[in-house]
Each structure stands twice: as C-alpha cells, then as structure tokens.
C-alpha cells in the first residue's frame, strides 16, 4: 500500500495525466493485429529497407562473382562446345 501511495504522489508531481476509466476498467485502444509469428519482433520500416538493400547488394555481388567465374570457366573450355584452342 505504501508503494501505491508513493507512486501516486510521484505521478502527480511528474504531471502524468490520469488514464480514463469506464466503471472499474481502464479504457484501452484497439489491439493491433499480429503480423509476425508469436515471440518474433517485427522489423520496422527502416530496418526492412536496410535488409532489402543488403539482400539486393548480396545478390548483385553473387551475380557478378558468377559472371567472373563463368567467364573463367568459359575461357578454360569447360563451358564451350567448340574446340579448346579458342583464345580468350
């Protein structure tokens, strides 16, 4: 009980507004719909943008790496159907 009184006096001193009530229950807003699995914190819009950019850069780097390796394999004759004496 003493803690309740102390916290009430602190709230009055700090100027916190009193929550609205209907009878014995506090009025609360609508509960937001769950968009992620239970126990998983959804990403914010800015975090989602950073993640998309990271994936896009990783995909571009992989495509570039595949292009470099594909060119090396092509010059080595692994991907060519023609004779191996073609110069790169």
C-alpha atoms as a PDB file:
ATOM      1  CA  UNK A   1       0.000   0.000   0.000  1.00  0.00           C
ATOM      2  CA  UNK A   2       2.846   2.370   0.782  1.00  0.00           C
ATOM      3  CA  UNK A   3       4.326   1.815  -2.693  1.00  0.00           C
ATOM      4  CA  UNK A   4       1.000   2.708  -4.282  1.00  0.00           C
ATOM      5  CA  UNK A   5       0.822   5.974  -2.363  1.00  0.00           C
ATOM      6  CA  UNK A   6       4.430   6.797  -3.187  1.00  0.00           C
ATOM      7  CA  UNK A   7       3.922   6.083  -6.908  1.00  0.00           C
ATOM      8  CA  UNK A   8       0.698   8.110  -6.936  1.00  0.00           C
ATOM      9  CA  UNK A   9       2.457  11.129  -5.416  1.00  0.00           C
ATOM     10  CA  UNK A  10       5.300  10.753  -7.908  1.00  0.00           C
ATOM     11  CA  UNK A  11       2.818  10.680 -10.825  1.00  0.00           C
ATOM     12  CA  UNK A  12       1.099  13.805  -9.504  1.00  0.00           C
ATOM     13  CA  UNK A  13       4.474  15.543  -9.046  1.00  0.00           C
ATOM     14  CA  UNK A  14       5.632  14.488 -12.560  1.00  0.00           C
ATOM     15  CA  UNK A  15       2.380  15.742 -14.093  1.00  0.00           C
ATOM     16  CA  UNK A  16       1.341  12.439 -15.652  1.00  0.00           C
ATOM     17  CA  UNK A  17      -2.303  12.509 -16.812  1.00  0.00           C
ATOM     18  CA  UNK A  18      -4.726  10.065 -15.228  1.00  0.00           C
ATOM     19  CA  UNK A  19      -5.944   7.274 -17.510  1.00  0.00           C
ATOM     20  CA  UNK A  20      -9.603   7.341 -18.450  1.00  0.00           C
ATOM     21  CA  UNK A  21     -11.848   4.669 -16.948  1.00  0.00           C
ATOM     22  CA  UNK A  22     -15.246   3.182 -17.531  1.00  0.00           C
ATOM     23  CA  UNK A  23     -16.603   1.851 -14.242  1.00  0.00           C
ATOM     24  CA  UNK A  24     -13.762  -0.202 -12.740  1.00  0.00           C
ATOM     25  CA  UNK A  25     -11.875  -0.813 -16.016  1.00  0.00           C
ATOM     26  CA  UNK A  26      -9.352   1.363 -17.842  1.00  0.00           C
ATOM     27  CA  UNK A  27     -10.190   2.387 -21.402  1.00  0.00           C
ATOM     28  CA  UNK A  28      -7.709   0.907 -23.851  1.00  0.00           C
ATOM     29  CA  UNK A  29      -7.277   1.270 -27.604  1.00  0.00           C
ATOM     30  CA  UNK A  30      -7.878  -1.380 -30.216  1.00  0.00           C
ATOM     31  CA  UNK A  31      -5.434  -4.231 -30.099  1.00  0.00           C
ATOM     32  CA  UNK A  32      -3.199  -4.250 -33.199  1.00  0.00           C
ATOM     33  CA  UNK A  33      -3.308  -7.284 -35.465  1.00  0.00           C
ATOM     34  CA  UNK A  34      -0.389  -9.647 -35.166  1.00  0.00           C
ATOM     35  CA  UNK A  35       1.755  -9.529 -38.302  1.00  0.00           C
ATOM     36  CA  UNK A  36       4.634 -11.719 -37.123  1.00  0.00           C
ATOM     37  CA  UNK A  37       4.860 -15.109 -35.502  1.00  0.00           C
ATOM     38  CA  UNK A  38       4.454 -15.255 -31.738  1.00  0.00           C
ATOM     39  CA  UNK A  39       7.690 -14.387 -29.966  1.00  0.00           C
ATOM     40  CA  UNK A  40       9.161 -12.679 -33.049  1.00  0.00           C
ATOM     41  CA  UNK A  41       9.571  -8.917 -33.059  1.00  0.00           C
ATOM     42  CA  UNK A  42       8.653  -7.492 -36.493  1.00  0.00           C
ATOM     43  CA  UNK A  43      11.122  -5.220 -38.281  1.00  0.00           C
ATOM     44  CA  UNK A  44      10.452  -1.512 -38.562  1.00  0.00           C
ATOM     45  CA  UNK A  45      10.080   0.068 -41.998  1.00  0.00           C
ATOM     46  CA  UNK A  46      13.639   1.445 -41.926  1.00  0.00           C
ATOM     47  CA  UNK A  47      15.050  -1.933 -40.829  1.00  0.00           C
ATOM     48  CA  UNK A  48      13.120  -3.596 -43.661  1.00  0.00           C
ATOM     49  CA  UNK A  49      14.632  -1.135 -46.149  1.00  0.00           C
ATOM     50  CA  UNK A  50      18.154  -1.860 -44.893  1.00  0.00           C
ATOM     51  CA  UNK A  51      17.517  -5.618 -45.125  1.00  0.00           C
ATOM     52  CA  UNK A  52      16.195  -5.296 -48.703  1.00  0.00           C
ATOM     53  CA  UNK A  53      19.242  -3.245 -49.705  1.00  0.00           C
ATOM     54  CA  UNK A  54      21.592  -5.792 -48.099  1.00  0.00           C
ATOM     55  CA  UNK A  55      19.905  -8.650 -49.967  1.00  0.00           C
ATOM     56  CA  UNK A  56      19.972  -6.734 -53.257  1.00  0.00           C
ATOM     57  CA  UNK A  57      23.707  -5.984 -52.874  1.00  0.00           C
ATOM     58  CA  UNK A  58      24.454  -9.593 -51.930  1.00  0.00           C
ATOM     59  CA  UNK A  59      22.518 -10.819 -54.968  1.00  0.00           C
ATOM     60  CA  UNK A  60      24.365  -8.379 -57.255  1.00  0.00           C
ATOM     61  CA  UNK A  61      27.732  -9.431 -55.822  1.00  0.00           C
ATOM     62  CA  UNK A  62      26.855 -13.095 -56.324  1.00  0.00           C
ATOM     63  CA  UNK A  63      25.763 -12.427 -59.908  1.00  0.00           C
ATOM     64  CA  UNK A  64      28.982 -10.537 -60.573  1.00  0.00           C
ATOM     65  CA  UNK A  65      31.023 -13.330 -58.989  1.00  0.00           C
ATOM     66  CA  UNK A  66      29.170 -15.903 -61.092  1.00  0.00           C
ATOM     67  CA  UNK A  67      29.869 -13.786 -64.146  1.00  0.00           C
ATOM     68  CA  UNK A  68      33.589 -13.674 -63.326  1.00  0.00           C
ATOM     69  CA  UNK A  69      33.736 -17.394 -62.602  1.00  0.00           C
ATOM     70  CA  UNK A  70      31.585 -18.162 -65.626  1.00  0.00           C
ATOM     71  CA  UNK A  71      33.984 -16.185 -67.796  1.00  0.00           C
ATOM     72  CA  UNK A  72      36.983 -18.027 -66.322  1.00  0.00           C
ATOM     73  CA  UNK A  73      35.331 -21.396 -66.882  1.00  0.00           C
ATOM     74  CA  UNK A  74      34.371 -20.331 -70.385  1.00  0.00           C
ATOM     75  CA  UNK A  75      37.993 -19.379 -71.200  1.00  0.00           C
ATOM     76  CA  UNK A  76      39.210 -22.660 -69.745  1.00  0.00           C
ATOM     77  CA  UNK A  77      36.942 -24.502 -72.135  1.00  0.00           C
ATOM     78  CA  UNK A  78      34.585 -26.001 -69.568  1.00  0.00           C
ATOM     79  CA  UNK A  79      31.504 -24.214 -70.871  1.00  0.00           C
ATOM     80  CA  UNK A  80      32.359 -24.216 -74.583  1.00  0.00           C
ATOM     81  CA  UNK A  81      31.119 -26.774 -77.016  1.00  0.00           C
ATOM     82  CA  UNK A  82      33.766 -25.752 -79.562  1.00  0.00           C
ATOM     83  CA  UNK A  83      37.415 -26.708 -79.584  1.00  0.00           C
ATOM     84  CA  UNK A  84      39.707 -25.718 -76.709  1.00  0.00           C
ATOM     85  CA  UNK A  85      42.113 -23.782 -78.972  1.00  0.00           C
ATOM     86  CA  UNK A  86      39.864 -20.665 -78.975  1.00  0.00           C
ATOM     87  CA  UNK A  87      41.728 -17.751 -77.405  1.00  0.00           C
ATOM     88  CA  UNK A  88      40.131 -15.688 -74.617  1.00  0.00           C
END
